[in-house]
Amino acid sequence: MEKLRCNFNDLIDQQTLKKMIDSFRNNAAAVKYVKSLGISDEEIDQNITRFYSFSEDLSYCKNCPGLNKCEKDNPHLCTKITYRDGFIEKTLVPCKKLLERVNFEKEFKVMDFPKEWLDASLKDVDINSTARKTVLTKYTNYIKNLSSQWIYMTGEGGTGRSYYAACLCVDAAKRQKGPICFINCATRIKDLYGMSFKQKEDFQRILDIYCSCPILVLDDFGNEVKNDFVRDGIVFQILSKRASQKLFTIITSDFPIEDIVTMYDTNKAAGVRARQIGRMLASASKEEINLGEVALY
């Protein structure tokens, strides 16, 4: 925090001083804000280095490159000036985008994707394909409370299934549609399976979260460890409860639904449950959306 009397005047050469004054005067937003505090032109000129830095800061933030690309000396902080009792007070406060990030990040209960993707936007997604438009249409219908159809995305590696799912979740988080769980199946289902032996309370608590959260992403579905308990005690439980409650679910997978059924069909008795899983996926999603081979972003 920096408090300055208004007659403070830094020693600075006149040419540089004039450039600072001109630069500040040409920043309409900075001038309007400072004037609203009741600070006179004389006081501004006496402390122009302070107001110049405020003006430059304001200009940079107006054209914010994104939180992850902020190159300010004090990243994610903005200069704020107040004026009271003859003092100019200059402080650094969290920027608006940081506060927005903190607010919507709370919507995520589990976030198994790179933190940089929190800057993702649906505007970044190339939707010049029928498949991607279909994904966006399904999501839009969910947001408008027109449908709770699931989204089942397949496609070659590098087509951006996970990134697209993250874009949808970030948008939903900004709309306060959470809690949201974006889980990597290979990791989280393995963890659940381990808990089922000696941490039964934790197992049930986490399973209930996955079963009941408003939005669930099963990322990399089909690459989880597979056995009878995982199929019947975890995967079937999650899918059946979410299907019965019509909870929005996004699934990304290397495999079409038919292959998922085959992988979980470990023996004759298991075939019934595996086919139930397949029917549930097909019924809740209505279609598989193959993003193809073209990179998403």
Protein backbone atom coordinates (compact mmCIF):
# COMPACT_ATOMS: atom_id res chain seq x y z
CA MET A 1 0.00 0.00 0.00
CA GLU A 2 1.33 3.45 -0.94
CA LYS A 3 0.01 6.72 0.56
CA LEU A 4 1.12 9.98 -1.04
CA ARG A 5 0.41 13.63 -0.30
CA CYS A 6 -0.98 15.31 -3.38
CA ASN A 7 1.84 17.87 -3.61
CA PHE A 8 4.40 15.07 -4.03
CA ASN A 9 6.46 15.59 -7.15
CA ASP A 10 9.02 13.14 -8.39
CA LEU A 11 12.25 14.44 -9.85
CA ILE A 12 12.01 13.56 -13.50
CA ASP A 13 13.17 15.12 -16.78
CA GLN A 14 10.61 17.30 -18.50
CA GLN A 15 10.50 15.31 -21.75
CA THR A 16 9.63 12.08 -19.96
CA LEU A 17 7.20 13.94 -17.72
CA LYS A 18 5.36 15.33 -20.73
CA LYS A 19 5.11 11.88 -22.33
CA MET A 20 3.61 10.50 -19.12
CA ILE A 21 1.11 13.34 -18.87
CA ASP A 22 0.06 12.97 -22.52
CA SER A 23 -0.26 9.23 -22.20
CA PHE A 24 -2.46 9.55 -19.12
CA ARG A 25 -4.62 12.28 -20.68
CA ASN A 26 -5.21 10.08 -23.72
CA ASN A 27 -6.57 7.27 -21.59
CA ALA A 28 -10.21 8.29 -21.25
CA ALA A 29 -11.07 5.52 -18.79
CA ALA A 30 -8.17 6.41 -16.48
CA VAL A 31 -8.97 10.13 -16.59
CA LYS A 32 -12.66 9.51 -15.91
CA TYR A 33 -11.91 7.32 -12.89
CA VAL A 34 -9.34 9.71 -11.37
CA LYS A 35 -11.61 12.70 -11.93
CA SER A 36 -14.46 10.87 -10.22
CA LEU A 37 -12.32 10.78 -7.06
CA GLY A 38 -12.18 14.58 -7.01
CA ILE A 39 -8.47 14.85 -7.80
CA SER A 40 -7.52 18.07 -9.57
CA ASP A 41 -5.38 18.46 -12.69
CA GLU A 42 -2.66 20.05 -10.59
CA GLU A 43 -2.60 17.11 -8.19
CA ILE A 44 -2.50 14.70 -11.11
CA ASP A 45 0.50 16.49 -12.63
CA GLN A 46 2.30 16.57 -9.27
CA ASN A 47 1.97 12.78 -8.99
CA ILE A 48 1.96 11.86 -12.67
CA THR A 49 4.29 8.86 -12.29
CA ARG A 50 1.71 7.24 -10.03
CA PHE A 51 -1.21 7.99 -12.33
CA TYR A 52 0.80 7.00 -15.38
CA SER A 53 1.47 3.55 -13.92
CA PHE A 54 -2.24 3.28 -13.08
CA SER A 55 -3.13 4.23 -16.66
CA GLU A 56 -0.72 1.70 -18.16
CA ASP A 57 -2.05 -0.99 -15.86
CA LEU A 58 -5.62 -0.19 -16.85
CA SER A 59 -4.76 -0.37 -20.56
CA TYR A 60 -3.03 -3.73 -20.20
CA CYS A 61 -5.96 -5.23 -18.32
CA LYS A 62 -8.45 -3.88 -20.84
CA ASN A 63 -6.76 -6.09 -23.44
CA CYS A 64 -6.19 -8.99 -21.04
CA PRO A 65 -4.36 -11.86 -22.77
CA GLY A 66 -5.75 -14.36 -20.24
CA LEU A 67 -4.69 -15.38 -16.76
CA ASN A 68 -2.10 -17.86 -17.96
CA LYS A 69 -0.51 -15.31 -20.27
CA CYS A 70 -0.41 -12.34 -17.92
CA GLU A 71 3.05 -10.74 -18.16
CA LYS A 72 2.61 -7.91 -15.69
CA ASP A 73 5.19 -7.37 -12.96
CA ASN A 74 2.42 -8.28 -10.52
CA PRO A 75 0.42 -10.93 -12.41
CA HIS A 76 -3.33 -11.10 -11.72
CA LEU A 77 -3.24 -7.89 -9.66
CA CYS A 78 -4.61 -4.49 -10.68
CA THR A 79 -3.76 -1.02 -9.46
CA LYS A 80 -6.48 0.73 -7.50
CA ILE A 81 -6.34 4.39 -6.50
CA THR A 82 -8.41 5.99 -3.75
CA TYR A 83 -8.39 9.56 -2.47
CA ARG A 84 -9.28 10.62 1.05
CA ASP A 85 -8.23 13.36 3.48
CA GLY A 86 -5.61 14.78 1.16
CA PHE A 87 -3.95 11.44 0.47
CA ILE A 88 -3.72 9.40 -2.67
CA GLU A 89 -3.68 5.73 -1.82
CA LYS A 90 -2.47 3.22 -4.38
CA THR A 91 -2.98 -0.48 -3.73
CA LEU A 92 -2.89 -3.76 -5.65
CA VAL A 93 -6.09 -5.77 -5.73
CA PRO A 94 -6.99 -9.11 -7.41
CA CYS A 95 -8.05 -8.61 -11.00
CA LYS A 96 -11.63 -9.23 -12.11
CA LYS A 97 -10.73 -12.29 -14.16
CA LEU A 98 -8.94 -13.87 -11.22
CA LEU A 99 -11.98 -13.35 -9.00
CA GLU A 100 -14.20 -14.84 -11.71
CA ARG A 101 -11.83 -17.81 -11.98
CA VAL A 102 -11.86 -18.42 -8.22
CA ASN A 103 -15.63 -18.17 -8.20
CA PHE A 104 -16.38 -20.61 -11.02
CA GLU A 105 -13.55 -22.97 -10.09
CA LYS A 106 -15.50 -23.72 -6.92
CA GLU A 107 -18.11 -25.40 -9.12
CA PHE A 108 -15.68 -28.25 -9.76
CA LYS A 109 -15.72 -31.08 -7.25
CA VAL A 110 -13.15 -33.02 -9.28
CA MET A 111 -11.09 -31.53 -12.11
CA ASP A 112 -8.92 -34.09 -13.90
CA PHE A 113 -7.70 -31.84 -16.68
CA PRO A 114 -4.86 -29.29 -17.00
CA LYS A 115 -5.51 -26.10 -15.07
CA GLU A 116 -4.67 -24.09 -18.19
CA TRP A 117 -7.89 -25.39 -19.68
CA LEU A 118 -9.82 -23.24 -17.22
CA ASP A 119 -9.18 -20.47 -19.73
CA ALA A 120 -10.93 -22.56 -22.38
CA SER A 121 -13.92 -21.14 -24.16
CA LEU A 122 -16.46 -22.62 -26.51
CA LYS A 123 -15.38 -19.87 -28.89
CA ASP A 124 -12.03 -21.67 -29.17
CA VAL A 125 -13.66 -24.80 -30.52
CA ASP A 126 -13.74 -25.43 -34.24
CA ILE A 127 -17.32 -26.49 -34.94
CA ASN A 128 -16.95 -26.77 -38.70
CA SER A 129 -18.03 -30.38 -38.56
CA THR A 130 -21.35 -32.09 -38.05
CA ALA A 131 -20.01 -34.07 -35.07
CA ARG A 132 -18.85 -31.05 -33.11
CA LYS A 133 -22.02 -29.14 -33.91
CA THR A 134 -24.01 -32.08 -32.59
CA VAL A 135 -22.06 -31.99 -29.31
CA LEU A 136 -22.68 -28.26 -28.97
CA THR A 137 -26.39 -28.66 -29.77
CA LYS A 138 -26.79 -31.32 -27.08
CA TYR A 139 -25.01 -29.14 -24.53
CA THR A 140 -27.06 -26.08 -25.49
CA ASN A 141 -30.27 -28.06 -25.08
CA TYR A 142 -29.12 -29.11 -21.62
CA ILE A 143 -28.35 -25.51 -20.64
CA LYS A 144 -31.79 -24.44 -21.87
CA ASN A 145 -33.42 -27.29 -19.89
CA LEU A 146 -34.73 -28.79 -23.13
CA SER A 147 -32.96 -32.13 -22.81
CA SER A 148 -30.69 -34.13 -20.53
CA GLN A 149 -29.37 -36.42 -23.25
CA TRP A 150 -25.88 -37.68 -22.57
CA ILE A 151 -22.94 -36.95 -24.85
CA TYR A 152 -20.83 -39.93 -25.89
CA MET A 153 -17.73 -38.79 -27.81
CA THR A 154 -15.34 -41.12 -29.59
CA GLY A 155 -12.63 -40.52 -32.18
CA GLU A 156 -8.95 -40.96 -32.81
CA GLY A 157 -6.40 -39.67 -30.31
CA GLY A 158 -5.74 -35.97 -30.75
CA THR A 159 -9.24 -35.09 -31.88
CA GLY A 160 -9.75 -33.11 -28.70
CA ARG A 161 -12.46 -35.10 -26.93
CA SER A 162 -11.19 -34.23 -23.46
CA TYR A 163 -10.57 -30.60 -24.35
CA TYR A 164 -14.06 -30.23 -25.78
CA ALA A 165 -15.54 -31.79 -22.64
CA ALA A 166 -13.51 -29.37 -20.53
CA CYS A 167 -14.77 -26.42 -22.59
CA LEU A 168 -18.35 -27.51 -21.92
CA CYS A 169 -17.66 -27.90 -18.20
CA VAL A 170 -15.95 -24.52 -17.89
CA ASP A 171 -18.91 -22.88 -19.59
CA ALA A 172 -21.30 -24.75 -17.28
CA ALA A 173 -19.24 -23.74 -14.23
CA LYS A 174 -19.49 -20.08 -15.22
CA ARG A 175 -23.26 -20.59 -15.34
CA GLN A 176 -23.09 -22.11 -11.82
CA LYS A 177 -24.40 -25.48 -12.98
CA GLY A 178 -22.19 -27.44 -10.56
CA PRO A 179 -21.04 -29.30 -8.65
CA ILE A 180 -19.17 -30.76 -11.60
CA CYS A 181 -16.98 -33.87 -11.56
CA PHE A 182 -14.57 -34.27 -14.45
CA ILE A 183 -12.92 -37.59 -13.72
CA ASN A 184 -10.24 -39.56 -15.49
CA CYS A 185 -11.67 -43.08 -15.44
CA ALA A 186 -8.33 -44.88 -15.46
CA THR A 187 -7.25 -43.06 -12.28
CA ARG A 188 -10.46 -42.47 -10.34
CA ILE A 189 -12.05 -45.88 -10.84
CA LYS A 190 -8.81 -47.55 -9.82
CA ASP A 191 -8.83 -45.39 -6.67
CA LEU A 192 -12.44 -46.33 -5.94
CA TYR A 193 -11.71 -50.00 -6.41
CA GLY A 194 -8.85 -49.76 -3.92
CA MET A 195 -11.06 -47.99 -1.37
CA SER A 196 -13.73 -50.68 -1.59
CA PHE A 197 -11.57 -53.06 0.47
CA LYS A 198 -10.56 -51.05 3.53
CA GLN A 199 -12.09 -47.58 3.17
CA LYS A 200 -15.72 -48.48 2.62
CA GLU A 201 -17.11 -45.19 3.95
CA ASP A 202 -14.86 -43.14 1.66
CA PHE A 203 -15.72 -45.47 -1.21
CA GLN A 204 -19.45 -44.97 -0.73
CA ARG A 205 -19.13 -41.21 -0.22
CA ILE A 206 -17.17 -40.68 -3.42
CA LEU A 207 -19.33 -43.10 -5.39
CA ASP A 208 -22.43 -41.18 -4.25
CA ILE A 209 -20.84 -37.93 -5.48
CA TYR A 210 -20.25 -39.40 -8.92
CA CYS A 211 -23.76 -40.82 -8.98
CA SER A 212 -25.51 -37.59 -8.01
CA CYS A 213 -23.50 -34.54 -9.13
CA PRO A 214 -25.39 -32.44 -11.71
CA ILE A 215 -22.65 -32.84 -14.33
CA LEU A 216 -20.25 -35.77 -14.63
CA VAL A 217 -17.55 -36.31 -17.23
CA LEU A 218 -16.25 -39.85 -17.59
CA ASP A 219 -13.05 -39.06 -19.44
CA ASP A 220 -11.11 -41.85 -21.14
CA PHE A 221 -13.92 -44.28 -20.40
CA GLY A 222 -13.03 -47.87 -21.25
CA ASN A 223 -9.40 -47.57 -20.16
CA GLU A 224 -10.19 -48.19 -16.49
CA VAL A 225 -9.25 -51.41 -14.73
CA LYS A 226 -11.92 -54.03 -15.41
CA ASN A 227 -13.27 -56.82 -13.23
CA ASP A 228 -16.66 -57.98 -11.99
CA PHE A 229 -16.72 -55.58 -9.05
CA VAL A 230 -15.69 -52.55 -11.11
CA ARG A 231 -18.39 -53.39 -13.64
CA ASP A 232 -21.20 -54.15 -11.17
CA GLY A 233 -20.23 -52.13 -8.09
CA ILE A 234 -18.90 -48.98 -9.71
CA VAL A 235 -19.58 -48.46 -13.42
CA PHE A 236 -23.10 -49.90 -13.43
CA GLN A 237 -23.99 -48.05 -10.23
CA ILE A 238 -22.86 -44.70 -11.60
CA LEU A 239 -24.52 -45.09 -14.99
CA SER A 240 -27.80 -46.57 -13.76
CA LYS A 241 -28.34 -43.98 -11.03
CA ARG A 242 -27.50 -41.09 -13.32
CA ALA A 243 -29.73 -42.47 -16.07
CA SER A 244 -32.67 -42.90 -13.71
CA GLN A 245 -32.26 -39.34 -12.40
CA LYS A 246 -31.66 -37.90 -15.88
CA LEU A 247 -28.39 -36.28 -14.81
CA PHE A 248 -26.25 -34.75 -17.54
CA THR A 249 -23.27 -36.98 -18.35
CA ILE A 250 -20.44 -36.56 -20.84
CA ILE A 251 -18.39 -39.58 -21.84
CA THR A 252 -15.18 -39.52 -23.86
CA SER A 253 -13.74 -42.81 -25.04
CA ASP A 254 -11.39 -44.49 -27.47
CA PHE A 255 -14.07 -47.13 -27.88
CA PRO A 256 -17.56 -47.31 -29.36
CA ILE A 257 -20.27 -48.61 -27.04
CA GLU A 258 -20.19 -52.03 -28.69
CA ASP A 259 -16.53 -52.43 -27.66
CA ILE A 260 -17.31 -51.35 -24.09
CA VAL A 261 -19.87 -54.17 -23.88
CA THR A 262 -17.33 -56.66 -25.20
CA MET A 263 -14.66 -55.59 -22.72
CA TYR A 264 -17.01 -55.95 -19.76
CA ASP A 265 -18.38 -59.27 -20.98
CA THR A 266 -15.83 -61.24 -18.94
CA ASN A 267 -17.88 -64.45 -18.68
CA LYS A 268 -21.33 -65.84 -19.46
CA ALA A 269 -22.95 -64.43 -16.34
CA ALA A 270 -21.25 -61.06 -16.83
CA GLY A 271 -22.65 -60.73 -20.32
CA VAL A 272 -26.07 -59.75 -19.04
CA ARG A 273 -24.72 -56.84 -17.00
CA ALA A 274 -22.35 -55.77 -19.79
CA ARG A 275 -25.25 -55.60 -22.23
CA GLN A 276 -27.27 -53.61 -19.70
CA ILE A 277 -24.43 -51.08 -19.55
CA GLY A 278 -24.40 -50.92 -23.34
CA ARG A 279 -28.16 -50.39 -23.56
CA MET A 280 -28.00 -47.68 -20.90
CA LEU A 281 -25.26 -45.80 -22.75
CA ALA A 282 -27.08 -46.10 -26.06
CA SER A 283 -30.44 -45.08 -24.61
CA ALA A 284 -29.18 -42.11 -22.57
CA SER A 285 -26.98 -40.69 -25.33
CA LYS A 286 -29.13 -41.74 -28.33
CA GLU A 287 -26.03 -41.72 -30.53
CA GLU A 288 -22.26 -41.98 -30.53
CA ILE A 289 -20.51 -38.85 -31.77
CA ASN A 290 -17.26 -39.62 -33.56
CA LEU A 291 -15.02 -36.55 -33.75
CA GLY A 292 -12.98 -38.23 -36.47
CA GLU A 293 -9.30 -37.63 -37.06
CA VAL A 294 -9.02 -33.85 -37.37
CA ALA A 295 -7.52 -32.00 -34.41
CA LEU A 296 -10.03 -29.92 -32.47
CA TYR A 297 -7.82 -26.92 -31.66
